[in-house]
PDB file of N, CA and C in Angstrom:
ATOM      1  N   MET A   1     141.053 118.374   1.476  1.00  0.00           N
ATOM      2  CA  MET A   1     140.756 118.101   2.865  1.00  0.00           C
ATOM      3  C   MET A   1     139.740 119.115   3.371  1.00  0.00           C
ATOM      4  N   GLN A   2     139.013 118.778   4.377  1.00  0.00           N
ATOM      5  CA  GLN A   2     137.968 119.611   4.942  1.00  0.00           C
ATOM      6  C   GLN A   2     138.563 120.787   5.724  1.00  0.00           C
ATOM      7  N   ASP A   3     137.861 121.919   5.774  1.00  0.00           N
ATOM      8  CA  ASP A   3     138.259 123.115   6.516  1.00  0.00           C
ATOM      9  C   ASP A   3     139.542 123.745   6.002  1.00  0.00           C
ATOM     10  N   GLY A   4     139.958 123.471   4.790  1.00  0.00           N
ATOM     11  CA  GLY A   4     141.149 124.074   4.230  1.00  0.00           C
ATOM     12  C   GLY A   4     142.429 123.581   4.861  1.00  0.00           C
ATOM     13  N   CYS A   5     142.364 122.548   5.648  1.00  0.00           N
ATOM     14  CA  CYS A   5     143.547 122.000   6.308  1.00  0.00           C
ATOM     15  C   CYS A   5     144.337 121.175   5.301  1.00  0.00           C
ATOM     16  N   PRO A   6     145.636 121.400   5.182  1.00  0.00           N
ATOM     17  CA  PRO A   6     146.434 120.655   4.210  1.00  0.00           C
ATOM     18  C   PRO A   6     146.544 119.178   4.592  1.00  0.00           C
ATOM     19  N   GLU A   7     146.851 118.385   3.580  1.00  0.00           N
ATOM     20  CA  GLU A   7     146.960 116.947   3.812  1.00  0.00           C
ATOM     21  C   GLU A   7     148.315 116.553   4.372  1.00  0.00           C
ATOM     22  N   ASP A   8     149.297 117.414   4.236  1.00  0.00           N
ATOM     23  CA  ASP A   8     150.633 117.114   4.742  1.00  0.00           C
ATOM     24  C   ASP A   8     150.596 117.065   6.275  1.00  0.00           C
ATOM     25  N   PRO A   9     150.992 115.943   6.888  1.00  0.00           N
ATOM     26  CA  PRO A   9     150.929 115.824   8.352  1.00  0.00           C
ATOM     27  C   PRO A   9     151.777 116.864   9.079  1.00  0.00           C
ATOM     28  N   ASP A  10     152.929 117.240   8.523  1.00  0.00           N
ATOM     29  CA  ASP A  10     153.769 118.237   9.188  1.00  0.00           C
ATOM     30  C   ASP A  10     153.087 119.600   9.224  1.00  0.00           C
ATOM     31  N   THR A  11     152.456 119.971   8.129  1.00  0.00           N
ATOM     32  CA  THR A  11     151.752 121.247   8.067  1.00  0.00           C
ATOM     33  C   THR A  11     150.545 121.225   8.997  1.00  0.00           C
ATOM     34  N   ARG A  12     149.866 120.105   9.048  1.00  0.00           N
ATOM     35  CA  ARG A  12     148.715 119.979   9.952  1.00  0.00           C
ATOM     36  C   ARG A  12     149.166 120.136  11.402  1.00  0.00           C
ATOM     37  N   THR A  13     150.318 119.601  11.736  1.00  0.00           N
ATOM     38  CA  THR A  13     150.847 119.730  13.095  1.00  0.00           C
ATOM     39  C   THR A  13     151.177 121.185  13.399  1.00  0.00           C
ATOM     40  N   GLU A  14     151.757 121.887  12.432  1.00  0.00           N
ATOM     41  CA  GLU A  14     152.066 123.305  12.623  1.00  0.00           C
ATOM     42  C   GLU A  14     150.792 124.107  12.867  1.00  0.00           C
ATOM     43  N   TRP A  15     149.749 123.805  12.103  1.00  0.00           N
ATOM     44  CA  TRP A  15     148.484 124.504  12.276  1.00  0.00           C
ATOM     45  C   TRP A  15     147.913 124.231  13.665  1.00  0.00           C
ATOM     46  N   ALA A  16     147.984 123.007  14.090  1.00  0.00           N
ATOM     47  CA  ALA A  16     147.466 122.658  15.418  1.00  0.00           C
ATOM     48  C   ALA A  16     148.253 123.377  16.511  1.00  0.00           C
ATOM     49  N   GLU A  17     149.562 123.451  16.346  1.00  0.00           N
ATOM     50  CA  GLU A  17     150.381 124.151  17.332  1.00  0.00           C
ATOM     51  C   GLU A  17     150.069 125.644  17.341  1.00  0.00           C
ATOM     52  N   SER A  18     149.833 126.212  16.168  1.00  0.00           N
ATOM     53  CA  SER A  18     149.473 127.636  16.094  1.00  0.00           C
ATOM     54  C   SER A  18     148.147 127.892  16.800  1.00  0.00           C
ATOM     55  N   ARG A  19     147.175 127.021  16.566  1.00  0.00           N
ATOM     56  CA  ARG A  19     145.875 127.185  17.227  1.00  0.00           C
ATOM     57  C   ARG A  19     146.023 127.069  18.743  1.00  0.00           C
ATOM     58  N   THR A  20     146.876 126.180  19.198  1.00  0.00           N
ATOM     59  CA  THR A  20     147.118 126.040  20.636  1.00  0.00           C
ATOM     60  C   THR A  20     147.769 127.298  21.194  1.00  0.00           C
ATOM     61  N   ASP A  21     148.729 127.849  20.468  1.00  0.00           N
ATOM     62  CA  ASP A  21     149.380 129.090  20.900  1.00  0.00           C
ATOM     63  C   ASP A  21     148.373 130.232  20.998  1.00  0.00           C
ATOM     64  N   TRP A  22     147.504 130.346  19.995  1.00  0.00           N
ATOM     65  CA  TRP A  22     146.499 131.405  20.007  1.00  0.00           C
ATOM     66  C   TRP A  22     145.532 131.217  21.172  1.00  0.00           C
ATOM     67  N   ALA A  23     145.172 129.987  21.450  1.00  0.00           N
ATOM     68  CA  ALA A  23     144.272 129.721  22.575  1.00  0.00           C
ATOM     69  C   ALA A  23     144.927 130.126  23.893  1.00  0.00           C
ATOM     70  N   GLU A  24     146.220 129.867  24.015  1.00  0.00           N
ATOM     71  CA  GLU A  24     146.922 130.246  25.239  1.00  0.00           C
ATOM     72  C   GLU A  24     146.985 131.771  25.375  1.00  0.00           C
ATOM     73  N   ASP A  25     147.173 132.475  24.271  1.00  0.00           N
ATOM     74  CA  ASP A  25     147.157 133.941  24.302  1.00  0.00           C
ATOM     75  C   ASP A  25     145.779 134.456  24.720  1.00  0.00           C
ATOM     76  N   ARG A  26     144.721 133.836  24.193  1.00  0.00           N
ATOM     77  CA  ARG A  26     143.365 134.248  24.581  1.00  0.00           C
ATOM     78  C   ARG A  26     143.128 133.991  26.066  1.00  0.00           C
ATOM     79  N   THR A  27     143.681 132.909  26.579  1.00  0.00           N
ATOM     80  CA  THR A  27     143.532 132.608  27.998  1.00  0.00           C
ATOM     81  C   THR A  27     144.262 133.642  28.850  1.00  0.00           C
ATOM     82  N   LEU A  28     145.427 134.087  28.405  1.00  0.00           N
ATOM     83  CA  LEU A  28     146.138 135.157  29.119  1.00  0.00           C
ATOM     84  C   LEU A  28     145.289 136.428  29.176  1.00  0.00           C
ATOM     85  N   GLN A  29     144.673 136.760  28.056  1.00  0.00           N
ATOM     86  CA  GLN A  29     143.836 137.956  28.020  1.00  0.00           C
ATOM     87  C   GLN A  29     142.592 137.779  28.889  1.00  0.00           C
ATOM     88  N   ALA A  30     142.034 136.584  28.901  1.00  0.00           N
ATOM     89  CA  ALA A  30     140.883 136.313  29.765  1.00  0.00           C
ATOM     90  C   ALA A  30     141.277 136.437  31.235  1.00  0.00           C
ATOM     91  N   ASN A  31     142.488 136.026  31.561  1.00  0.00           N
ATOM     92  CA  ASN A  31     142.982 136.155  32.930  1.00  0.00           C
ATOM     93  C   ASN A  31     143.032 137.624  33.344  1.00  0.00           C
ATOM     94  N   GLU A  32     143.483 138.484  32.453  1.00  0.00           N
ATOM     95  CA  GLU A  32     143.540 139.916  32.759  1.00  0.00           C
ATOM     96  C   GLU A  32     142.138 140.498  32.925  1.00  0.00           C
ATOM     97  N   ARG A  33     141.204 140.056  32.090  1.00  0.00           N
ATOM     98  CA  ARG A  33     139.821 140.529  32.223  1.00  0.00           C
ATOM     99  C   ARG A  33     139.207 140.046  33.533  1.00  0.00           C
ATOM    100  N   THR A  34     139.527 138.828  33.923  1.00  0.00           N
ATOM    101  CA  THR A  34     139.021 138.297  35.188  1.00  0.00           C
ATOM    102  C   THR A  34     139.579 139.094  36.361  1.00  0.00           C
ATOM    103  N   PHE A  35     140.866 139.415  36.302  1.00  0.00           N
ATOM    104  CA  PHE A  35     141.483 140.248  37.337  1.00  0.00           C
ATOM    105  C   PHE A  35     140.751 141.586  37.435  1.00  0.00           C
ATOM    106  N   ALA A  36     140.507 142.210  36.293  1.00  0.00           N
ATOM    107  CA  ALA A  36     139.804 143.497  36.286  1.00  0.00           C
ATOM    108  C   ALA A  36     138.400 143.355  36.874  1.00  0.00           C
ATOM    109  N   GLY A  37     137.738 142.253  36.567  1.00  0.00           N
ATOM    110  CA  GLY A  37     136.404 142.013  37.118  1.00  0.00           C
ATOM    111  C   GLY A  37     136.414 141.896  38.634  1.00  0.00           C
ATOM    112  N   TRP A  38     137.401 141.190  39.163  1.00  0.00           N
ATOM    113  CA  TRP A  38     137.498 141.059  40.618  1.00  0.00           C
ATOM    114  C   TRP A  38     137.848 142.395  41.268  1.00  0.00           C
ATOM    115  N   MET A  39     138.659 143.194  40.600  1.00  0.00           N
ATOM    116  CA  MET A  39     138.981 144.511  41.148  1.00  0.00           C
ATOM    117  C   MET A  39     137.718 145.381  41.186  1.00  0.00           C
ATOM    118  N   ARG A  40     136.890 145.284  40.146  1.00  0.00           N
ATOM    119  CA  ARG A  40     135.618 146.015  40.143  1.00  0.00           C
ATOM    120  C   ARG A  40     134.720 145.536  41.280  1.00  0.00           C
ATOM    121  N   THR A  41     134.720 144.240  41.535  1.00  0.00           N
ATOM    122  CA  THR A  41     133.917 143.703  42.630  1.00  0.00           C
ATOM    123  C   THR A  41     134.389 144.270  43.966  1.00  0.00           C
ATOM    124  N   GLY A  42     135.699 144.348  44.142  1.00  0.00           N
ATOM    125  CA  GLY A  42     136.240 144.938  45.364  1.00  0.00           C
ATOM    126  C   GLY A  42     135.841 146.395  45.511  1.00  0.00           C
ATOM    127  N   LEU A  43     135.889 147.136  44.413  1.00  0.00           N
ATOM    128  CA  LEU A  43     135.477 148.543  44.466  1.00  0.00           C
ATOM    129  C   LEU A  43     133.986 148.668  44.772  1.00  0.00           C
ATOM    130  N   GLY A  44     133.209 147.713  44.298  1.00  0.00           N
ATOM    131  CA  GLY A  44     131.785 147.695  44.640  1.00  0.00           C
ATOM    132  C   GLY A  44     131.578 147.519  46.134  1.00  0.00           C
ATOM    133  N   SER A  45     132.408 146.704  46.738  1.00  0.00           N
ATOM    134  CA  SER A  45     132.340 146.506  48.185  1.00  0.00           C
ATOM    135  C   SER A  45     132.688 147.797  48.930  1.00  0.00           C
ATOM    136  N   VAL A  46     133.660 148.533  48.425  1.00  0.00           N
ATOM    137  CA  VAL A  46     134.007 149.832  49.023  1.00  0.00           C
ATOM    138  C   VAL A  46     132.827 150.799  48.872  1.00  0.00           C
ATOM    139  N   ALA A  47     132.178 150.776  47.724  1.00  0.00           N
ATOM    140  CA  ALA A  47     131.027 151.651  47.495  1.00  0.00           C
ATOM    141  C   ALA A  47     129.892 151.329  48.466  1.00  0.00           C
ATOM    142  N   VAL A  48     129.691 150.044  48.748  1.00  0.00           N
ATOM    143  CA  VAL A  48     128.664 149.659  49.723  1.00  0.00           C
ATOM    144  C   VAL A  48     129.024 150.213  51.101  1.00  0.00           C
ATOM    145  N   ALA A  49     130.298 150.138  51.465  1.00  0.00           N
ATOM    146  CA  ALA A  49     130.733 150.677  52.761  1.00  0.00           C
ATOM    147  C   ALA A  49     130.451 152.173  52.851  1.00  0.00           C
ATOM    148  N   ILE A  50     130.748 152.900  51.786  1.00  0.00           N
ATOM    149  CA  ILE A  50     130.482 154.344  51.767  1.00  0.00           C
ATOM    150  C   ILE A  50     128.978 154.598  51.824  1.00  0.00           C
ATOM    151  N   GLY A  51     128.224 153.798  51.082  1.00  0.00           N
ATOM    152  CA  GLY A  51     126.767 153.934  51.087  1.00  0.00           C
ATOM    153  C   GLY A  51     126.159 153.665  52.454  1.00  0.00           C
ATOM    154  N   LEU A  52     126.703 152.695  53.167  1.00  0.00           N
ATOM    155  CA  LEU A  52     126.204 152.418  54.517  1.00  0.00           C
ATOM    156  C   LEU A  52     126.403 153.617  55.431  1.00  0.00           C
ATOM    157  N   LYS A  53     127.521 154.279  55.283  1.00  0.00           N
ATOM    158  CA  LYS A  53     127.772 155.477  56.091  1.00  0.00           C
ATOM    159  C   LYS A  53     126.748 156.558  55.748  1.00  0.00           C
ATOM    160  N   ALA A  54     126.424 156.675  54.478  1.00  0.00           N
ATOM    161  CA  ALA A  54     125.446 157.680  54.067  1.00  0.00           C
ATOM    162  C   ALA A  54     124.048 157.326  54.585  1.00  0.00           C
ATOM    163  N   VAL A  55     123.687 156.053  54.520  1.00  0.00           N
ATOM    164  CA  VAL A  55     122.352 155.627  54.941  1.00  0.00           C
ATOM    165  C   VAL A  55     122.209 155.686  56.461  1.00  0.00           C
ATOM    166  N   PHE A  56     123.226 155.216  57.162  1.00  0.00           N
ATOM    167  CA  PHE A  56     123.167 155.164  58.624  1.00  0.00           C
ATOM    168  C   PHE A  56     123.953 156.308  59.257  1.00  0.00           C
ATOM    169  N   GLY A  57     123.912 157.471  58.655  1.00  0.00           N
ATOM    170  CA  GLY A  57     124.714 158.603  59.119  1.00  0.00           C
ATOM    171  C   GLY A  57     124.568 158.910  60.599  1.00  0.00           C
ATOM    172  N   ASP A  58     123.344 159.047  61.103  1.00  0.00           N
ATOM    173  CA  ASP A  58     123.118 159.402  62.506  1.00  0.00           C
ATOM    174  C   ASP A  58     122.675 158.199  63.328  1.00  0.00           C
ATOM    175  N   PHE A  59     123.069 157.027  62.896  1.00  0.00           N
ATOM    176  CA  PHE A  59     122.697 155.792  63.598  1.00  0.00           C
ATOM    177  C   PHE A  59     123.379 155.753  64.961  1.00  0.00           C
ATOM    178  N   ASP A  60     122.623 155.310  65.978  1.00  0.00           N
ATOM    179  CA  ASP A  60     123.194 155.223  67.323  1.00  0.00           C
ATOM    180  C   ASP A  60     123.094 153.785  67.798  1.00  0.00           C
ATOM    181  N   PRO A  61     124.116 153.132  68.179  1.00  0.00           N
ATOM    182  CA  PRO A  61     125.485 153.595  68.376  1.00  0.00           C
ATOM    183  C   PRO A  61     126.239 153.678  67.042  1.00  0.00           C
ATOM    184  N   THR A  62     127.064 154.687  66.922  1.00  0.00           N
ATOM    185  CA  THR A  62     127.777 154.914  65.658  1.00  0.00           C
ATOM    186  C   THR A  62     128.757 153.796  65.342  1.00  0.00           C
ATOM    187  N   TRP A  63     129.294 153.157  66.378  1.00  0.00           N
ATOM    188  CA  TRP A  63     130.280 152.094  66.143  1.00  0.00           C
ATOM    189  C   TRP A  63     129.662 150.914  65.396  1.00  0.00           C
ATOM    190  N   ALA A  64     128.352 150.683  65.580  1.00  0.00           N
ATOM    191  CA  ALA A  64     127.713 149.537  64.921  1.00  0.00           C
ATOM    192  C   ALA A  64     127.687 149.731  63.404  1.00  0.00           C
ATOM    193  N   ALA A  65     127.274 150.921  62.965  1.00  0.00           N
ATOM    194  CA  ALA A  65     127.249 151.200  61.525  1.00  0.00           C
ATOM    195  C   ALA A  65     128.660 151.184  60.952  1.00  0.00           C
ATOM    196  N   LYS A  66     129.610 151.713  61.715  1.00  0.00           N
ATOM    197  CA  LYS A  66     131.000 151.723  61.253  1.00  0.00           C
ATOM    198  C   LYS A  66     131.563 150.308  61.182  1.00  0.00           C
ATOM    199  N   ALA A  67     131.160 149.449  62.097  1.00  0.00           N
ATOM    200  CA  ALA A  67     131.635 148.062  62.085  1.00  0.00           C
ATOM    201  C   ALA A  67     131.116 147.320  60.856  1.00  0.00           C
ATOM    202  N   VAL A  68     129.853 147.542  60.521  1.00  0.00           N
ATOM    203  CA  VAL A  68     129.297 146.893  59.330  1.00  0.00           C
ATOM    204  C   VAL A  68     129.995 147.413  58.077  1.00  0.00           C
ATOM    205  N   ALA A  69     130.220 148.715  58.006  1.00  0.00           N
ATOM    206  CA  ALA A  69     130.943 149.284  56.864  1.00  0.00           C
ATOM    207  C   ALA A  69     132.358 148.722  56.798  1.00  0.00           C
ATOM    208  N   SER A  70     132.961 148.511  57.956  1.00  0.00           N
ATOM    209  CA  SER A  70     134.323 147.959  57.994  1.00  0.00           C
ATOM    210  C   SER A  70     134.373 146.538  57.458  1.00  0.00           C
ATOM    211  N   LEU A  71     133.298 145.783  57.644  1.00  0.00           N
ATOM    212  CA  LEU A  71     133.252 144.430  57.073  1.00  0.00           C
ATOM    213  C   LEU A  71     133.345 144.481  55.549  1.00  0.00           C
ATOM    214  N   PHE A  72     132.689 145.461  54.948  1.00  0.00           N
ATOM    215  CA  PHE A  72     132.770 145.606  53.495  1.00  0.00           C
ATOM    216  C   PHE A  72     134.152 146.091  53.062  1.00  0.00           C
ATOM    217  N   ILE A  73     134.770 146.930  53.872  1.00  0.00           N
ATOM    218  CA  ILE A  73     136.147 147.360  53.590  1.00  0.00           C
ATOM    219  C   ILE A  73     137.074 146.150  53.647  1.00  0.00           C
ATOM    220  N   LEU A  74     136.917 145.334  54.684  1.00  0.00           N
ATOM    221  CA  LEU A  74     137.729 144.126  54.824  1.00  0.00           C
ATOM    222  C   LEU A  74     137.484 143.170  53.658  1.00  0.00           C
ATOM    223  N   SER A  75     136.227 143.039  53.249  1.00  0.00           N
ATOM    224  CA  SER A  75     135.905 142.184  52.095  1.00  0.00           C
ATOM    225  C   SER A  75     136.629 142.661  50.844  1.00  0.00           C
ATOM    226  N   ALA A  76     136.663 143.962  50.638  1.00  0.00           N
ATOM    227  CA  ALA A  76     137.357 144.516  49.472  1.00  0.00           C
ATOM    228  C   ALA A  76     138.842 144.183  49.516  1.00  0.00           C
ATOM    229  N   LEU A  77     139.454 144.311  50.691  1.00  0.00           N
ATOM    230  CA  LEU A  77     140.884 144.002  50.814  1.00  0.00           C
ATOM    231  C   LEU A  77     141.165 142.537  50.504  1.00  0.00           C
ATOM    232  N   VAL A  78     140.299 141.659  50.977  1.00  0.00           N
ATOM    233  CA  VAL A  78     140.462 140.226  50.700  1.00  0.00           C
ATOM    234  C   VAL A  78     140.304 139.960  49.205  1.00  0.00           C
ATOM    235  N   ILE A  79     139.320 140.586  48.593  1.00  0.00           N
ATOM    236  CA  ILE A  79     139.099 140.417  47.152  1.00  0.00           C
ATOM    237  C   ILE A  79     140.320 140.887  46.370  1.00  0.00           C
ATOM    238  N   PHE A  80     140.868 142.038  46.723  1.00  0.00           N
ATOM    239  CA  PHE A  80     142.050 142.547  46.023  1.00  0.00           C
ATOM    240  C   PHE A  80     143.225 141.584  46.153  1.00  0.00           C
ATOM    241  N   PHE A  81     143.426 141.059  47.350  1.00  0.00           N
ATOM    242  CA  PHE A  81     144.541 140.136  47.570  1.00  0.00           C
ATOM    243  C   PHE A  81     144.394 138.878  46.717  1.00  0.00           C
ATOM    244  N   PHE A  82     143.218 138.255  46.784  1.00  0.00           N
ATOM    245  CA  PHE A  82     143.032 137.010  46.036  1.00  0.00           C
ATOM    246  C   PHE A  82     143.006 137.244  44.529  1.00  0.00           C
ATOM    247  N   ALA A  83     142.517 138.398  44.092  1.00  0.00           N
ATOM    248  CA  ALA A  83     142.511 138.703  42.659  1.00  0.00           C
ATOM    249  C   ALA A  83     143.926 138.735  42.109  1.00  0.00           C
ATOM    250  N   GLN A  84     144.832 139.432  42.791  1.00  0.00           N
ATOM    251  CA  GLN A  84     146.204 139.513  42.285  1.00  0.00           C
ATOM    252  C   GLN A  84     146.912 138.182  42.424  1.00  0.00           C
ATOM    253  N   ARG A  85     146.658 137.469  43.507  1.00  0.00           N
ATOM    254  CA  ARG A  85     147.330 136.180  43.698  1.00  0.00           C
ATOM    255  C   ARG A  85     146.910 135.175  42.623  1.00  0.00           C
ATOM    256  N   ASN A  86     145.609 135.099  42.372  1.00  0.00           N
ATOM    257  CA  ASN A  86     145.130 134.155  41.363  1.00  0.00           C
ATOM    258  C   ASN A  86     145.556 134.557  39.957  1.00  0.00           C
ATOM    259  N   ALA A  87     145.572 135.857  39.671  1.00  0.00           N
ATOM    260  CA  ALA A  87     146.012 136.316  38.349  1.00  0.00           C
ATOM    261  C   ALA A  87     147.477 135.964  38.118  1.00  0.00           C
ATOM    262  N   ARG A  88     148.298 136.153  39.136  1.00  0.00           N
ATOM    263  CA  ARG A  88     149.725 135.827  38.997  1.00  0.00           C
ATOM    264  C   ARG A  88     149.930 134.326  38.838  1.00  0.00           C
ATOM    265  N   ARG A  89     149.203 133.541  39.610  1.00  0.00           N
ATOM    266  CA  ARG A  89     149.340 132.083  39.507  1.00  0.00           C
ATOM    267  C   ARG A  89     148.925 131.581  38.127  1.00  0.00           C
ATOM    268  N   THR A  90     147.836 132.116  37.625  1.00  0.00           N
ATOM    269  CA  THR A  90     147.379 131.699  36.298  1.00  0.00           C
ATOM    270  C   THR A  90     148.393 132.097  35.244  1.00  0.00           C
ATOM    271  N   GLN A  91     148.911 133.301  35.343  1.00  0.00           N
ATOM    272  CA  GLN A  91     149.880 133.767  34.352  1.00  0.00           C
ATOM    273  C   GLN A  91     151.173 132.952  34.403  1.00  0.00           C
ATOM    274  N   ASP A  92     151.549 132.488  35.585  1.00  0.00           N
ATOM    275  CA  ASP A  92     152.753 131.653  35.708  1.00  0.00           C
ATOM    276  C   ASP A  92     152.621 130.346  34.937  1.00  0.00           C
ATOM    277  N   ARG A  93     151.397 129.828  34.855  1.00  0.00           N
ATOM    278  CA  ARG A  93     151.181 128.538  34.194  1.00  0.00           C
ATOM    279  C   ARG A  93     151.111 128.648  32.674  1.00  0.00           C
ATOM    280  N   LEU A  94     150.989 129.858  32.157  1.00  0.00           N
ATOM    281  CA  LEU A  94     150.790 130.046  30.723  1.00  0.00           C
ATOM    282  C   LEU A  94     152.007 130.699  30.079  1.00  0.00           C
ATOM    283  N   SER A  95     152.136 130.482  28.784  1.00  0.00           N
ATOM    284  CA  SER A  95     153.198 131.116  27.999  1.00  0.00           C
ATOM    285  C   SER A  95     152.557 132.049  26.986  1.00  0.00           C
ATOM    286  N   ASP A  96     153.160 133.220  26.805  1.00  0.00           N
ATOM    287  CA  ASP A  96     152.641 134.134  25.792  1.00  0.00           C
ATOM    288  C   ASP A  96     153.344 133.862  24.470  1.00  0.00           C
ATOM    289  N   HIS A  97     152.613 134.101  23.399  1.00  0.00           N
ATOM    290  CA  HIS A  97     153.152 133.858  22.059  1.00  0.00           C
ATOM    291  C   HIS A  97     153.093 135.150  21.249  1.00  0.00           C
ATOM    292  N   ALA A  98     151.898 135.610  20.937  1.00  0.00           N
ATOM    293  CA  ALA A  98     151.757 136.859  20.193  1.00  0.00           C
ATOM    294  C   ALA A  98     151.241 137.978  21.101  1.00  0.00           C
ATOM    295  N   ALA A  99     150.595 137.621  22.194  1.00  0.00           N
ATOM    296  CA  ALA A  99     150.045 138.616  23.116  1.00  0.00           C
ATOM    297  C   ALA A  99     151.142 139.149  24.035  1.00  0.00           C
ATOM    298  N   GLU A 100     150.920 140.350  24.538  1.00  0.00           N
ATOM    299  CA  GLU A 100     151.838 140.939  25.508  1.00  0.00           C
ATOM    300  C   GLU A 100     151.085 141.087  26.832  1.00  0.00           C
ATOM    301  N   PRO A 101     151.187 140.106  27.706  1.00  0.00           N
ATOM    302  CA  PRO A 101     150.426 140.153  28.959  1.00  0.00           C
ATOM    303  C   PRO A 101     151.013 141.156  29.947  1.00  0.00           C
ATOM    304  N   LEU A 102     150.201 141.506  30.937  1.00  0.00           N
ATOM    305  CA  LEU A 102     150.694 142.362  32.014  1.00  0.00           C
ATOM    306  C   LEU A 102     151.821 141.654  32.752  1.00  0.00           C
ATOM    307  N   LYS A 103     152.742 142.439  33.252  1.00  0.00           N
ATOM    308  CA  LYS A 103     153.811 141.868  34.072  1.00  0.00           C
ATOM    309  C   LYS A 103     153.249 141.538  35.451  1.00  0.00           C
ATOM    310  N   HIS A 104     153.904 140.617  36.136  1.00  0.00           N
ATOM    311  CA  HIS A 104     153.460 140.245  37.478  1.00  0.00           C
ATOM    312  C   HIS A 104     153.379 141.449  38.404  1.00  0.00           C
ATOM    313  N   THR A 105     154.346 142.329  38.267  1.00  0.00           N
ATOM    314  CA  THR A 105     154.374 143.487  39.162  1.00  0.00           C
ATOM    315  C   THR A 105     153.182 144.412  38.938  1.00  0.00           C
ATOM    316  N   HIS A 106     152.628 144.408  37.735  1.00  0.00           N
ATOM    317  CA  HIS A 106     151.467 145.257  37.475  1.00  0.00           C
ATOM    318  C   HIS A 106     150.259 144.781  38.266  1.00  0.00           C
ATOM    319  N   PHE A 107     150.046 143.464  38.311  1.00  0.00           N
ATOM    320  CA  PHE A 107     148.936 142.936  39.107  1.00  0.00           C
ATOM    321  C   PHE A 107     149.091 143.355  40.571  1.00  0.00           C
ATOM    322  N   THR A 108     150.296 143.197  41.089  1.00  0.00           N
ATOM    323  CA  THR A 108     150.552 143.522  42.491  1.00  0.00           C
ATOM    324  C   THR A 108     150.442 145.021  42.743  1.00  0.00           C
ATOM    325  N   THR A 109     150.962 145.826  41.830  1.00  0.00           N
ATOM    326  CA  THR A 109     150.908 147.281  41.993  1.00  0.00           C
ATOM    327  C   THR A 109     149.470 147.777  42.001  1.00  0.00           C
ATOM    328  N   ILE A 110     148.684 147.316  41.060  1.00  0.00           N
ATOM    329  CA  ILE A 110     147.283 147.750  40.978  1.00  0.00           C
ATOM    330  C   ILE A 110     146.525 147.334  42.233  1.00  0.00           C
ATOM    331  N   ALA A 111     146.680 146.075  42.632  1.00  0.00           N
ATOM    332  CA  ALA A 111     145.978 145.594  43.825  1.00  0.00           C
ATOM    333  C   ALA A 111     146.446 146.340  45.075  1.00  0.00           C
ATOM    334  N   SER A 112     147.726 146.641  45.149  1.00  0.00           N
ATOM    335  CA  SER A 112     148.258 147.364  46.314  1.00  0.00           C
ATOM    336  C   SER A 112     147.718 148.790  46.379  1.00  0.00           C
ATOM    337  N   LEU A 113     147.673 149.460  45.242  1.00  0.00           N
ATOM    338  CA  LEU A 113     147.123 150.821  45.214  1.00  0.00           C
ATOM    339  C   LEU A 113     145.656 150.829  45.636  1.00  0.00           C
ATOM    340  N   PHE A 114     144.898 149.872  45.133  1.00  0.00           N
ATOM    341  CA  PHE A 114     143.491 149.775  45.516  1.00  0.00           C
ATOM    342  C   PHE A 114     143.363 149.479  47.008  1.00  0.00           C
ATOM    343  N   ALA A 115     144.243 148.642  47.539  1.00  0.00           N
ATOM    344  CA  ALA A 115     144.191 148.299  48.961  1.00  0.00           C
ATOM    345  C   ALA A 115     144.504 149.515  49.828  1.00  0.00           C
ATOM    346  N   VAL A 116     145.517 150.281  49.450  1.00  0.00           N
ATOM    347  CA  VAL A 116     145.871 151.484  50.216  1.00  0.00           C
ATOM    348  C   VAL A 116     144.720 152.489  50.173  1.00  0.00           C
ATOM    349  N   ALA A 117     144.137 152.687  49.001  1.00  0.00           N
ATOM    350  CA  ALA A 117     143.010 153.612  48.878  1.00  0.00           C
ATOM    351  C   ALA A 117     141.817 153.125  49.706  1.00  0.00           C
ATOM    352  N   THR A 118     141.601 151.825  49.728  1.00  0.00           N
ATOM    353  CA  THR A 118     140.499 151.261  50.507  1.00  0.00           C
ATOM    354  C   THR A 118     140.735 151.459  52.002  1.00  0.00           C
ATOM    355  N   LEU A 119     141.970 151.266  52.444  1.00  0.00           N
ATOM    356  CA  LEU A 119     142.292 151.522  53.851  1.00  0.00           C
ATOM    357  C   LEU A 119     142.070 152.992  54.198  1.00  0.00           C
ATOM    358  N   ALA A 120     142.396 153.885  53.273  1.00  0.00           N
ATOM    359  CA  ALA A 120     142.166 155.313  53.499  1.00  0.00           C
ATOM    360  C   ALA A 120     140.672 155.600  53.636  1.00  0.00           C
ATOM    361  N   VAL A 121     139.865 154.963  52.797  1.00  0.00           N
ATOM    362  CA  VAL A 121     138.412 155.128  52.897  1.00  0.00           C
ATOM    363  C   VAL A 121     137.927 154.623  54.259  1.00  0.00           C
ATOM    364  N   GLY A 122     138.448 153.478  54.686  1.00  0.00           N
ATOM    365  CA  GLY A 122     138.073 152.952  55.998  1.00  0.00           C
ATOM    366  C   GLY A 122     138.443 153.904  57.121  1.00  0.00           C
ATOM    367  N   PHE A 123     139.618 154.505  57.022  1.00  0.00           N
ATOM    368  CA  PHE A 123     140.051 155.477  58.029  1.00  0.00           C
ATOM    369  C   PHE A 123     139.114 156.681  58.051  1.00  0.00           C
ATOM    370  N   VAL A 124     138.762 157.170  56.877  1.00  0.00           N
ATOM    371  CA  VAL A 124     137.857 158.323  56.797  1.00  0.00           C
ATOM    372  C   VAL A 124     136.492 157.966  57.382  1.00  0.00           C
ATOM    373  N   LEU A 125     135.990 156.776  57.075  1.00  0.00           N
ATOM    374  CA  LEU A 125     134.687 156.372  57.611  1.00  0.00           C
ATOM    375  C   LEU A 125     134.703 156.324  59.141  1.00  0.00           C
ATOM    376  N   TRP A 126     135.795 155.847  59.720  1.00  0.00           N
ATOM    377  CA  TRP A 126     135.879 155.785  61.179  1.00  0.00           C
ATOM    378  C   TRP A 126     136.127 157.162  61.787  1.00  0.00           C
ATOM    379  N   SER A 127     136.662 158.092  61.005  1.00  0.00           N
ATOM    380  CA  SER A 127     136.932 159.440  61.515  1.00  0.00           C
ATOM    381  C   SER A 127     135.685 160.313  61.552  1.00  0.00           C
ATOM    382  N   LEU A 128     134.708 159.974  60.739  1.00  0.00           N
ATOM    383  CA  LEU A 128     133.493 160.811  60.662  1.00  0.00           C
ATOM    384  C   LEU A 128     132.598 160.620  61.864  1.00  0.00           C
TER     385      LEU A 128
END
């Protein structure tokens, strides 16, 4: 048979099921990479907020520059929330076989820590 696949239908079914299991494990890992990518995007938004403060340091009125920076802080918080929510939803739909995916609480913990740190950055920006 072609591709080294055995002719026995039962063995062929086992191989197909194994390939499906491996694909599901790869999808779990892709979900974690996607979560990490969205978290990086959120951190990029925080960096833009900090950069705006640096660029518009003596801008008058100061509240205007702070308001624009706050929009980026808010964007980061929204990104963190949706990143963890979508990662958890995707993981709920999949089953792990050989891979050891992150626990649901890890997605929430990481996103929560980033959100608290982002709020602290926002507070510091408004305090300056």
